[in-house]
Amino acid sequence: MRDDTPVCEGGIPLPPVSVPRGNYTPVLACDGFLFVAGQGPRWGDDLRYKGVVGKDFSVEEGQHAARLCALNIIAQVRNFLEGDLSRIRQLVRVAGVVRCTEEFEQQAKVLNGASDLFGELLGDAGRHVRIATGTSSLPSGMAVEVEAMFRID
């Protein structure tokens, strides 16, 4: 880990903040809420999980991909809040999409990778509602994409 790599609570290194790959903003604040656009399993520009869960990746590997998506969400929030994650009051909602085979039915288990990370970093403020769904394709061929909504001060 480089000395300038951002670290959040618990000493977990955060990936570099990615730039949007389309015509949207990665984070938007509105009336005390912070909306974070879908984040993929990237470390900087390196797409770490490209493929299909249930074919190219196991459930456990899918969980690692979802965890990396969650780390990217935290990196985006930290950047937007100028490093002050104490402004997070509650993670309200998480939505995740798993690129998977037609027969795959464990999307919720895959998304536990993200949910567990949020709980680890945010404690009770990391409890959230969630939807986990599957699809046949995602941008750049990524295996998982996760978005989130926070209540902030």
Foldseek 3Di string as FASTA:
>chain_A
DDPPFDAAPPRHTAAAAEDDPDPDHQWDDDDQKIKGPKFWQARHPRRPAFAAEVPPHDLVVLLVGLLSRLSNQVNVVCVVVVNPPVQFQAFEEKEKEFQHDPPDDVQVSSNVSNLVNLCVRPPPRSDYYYDGYYDNADPPRTGMIMITMTRGD
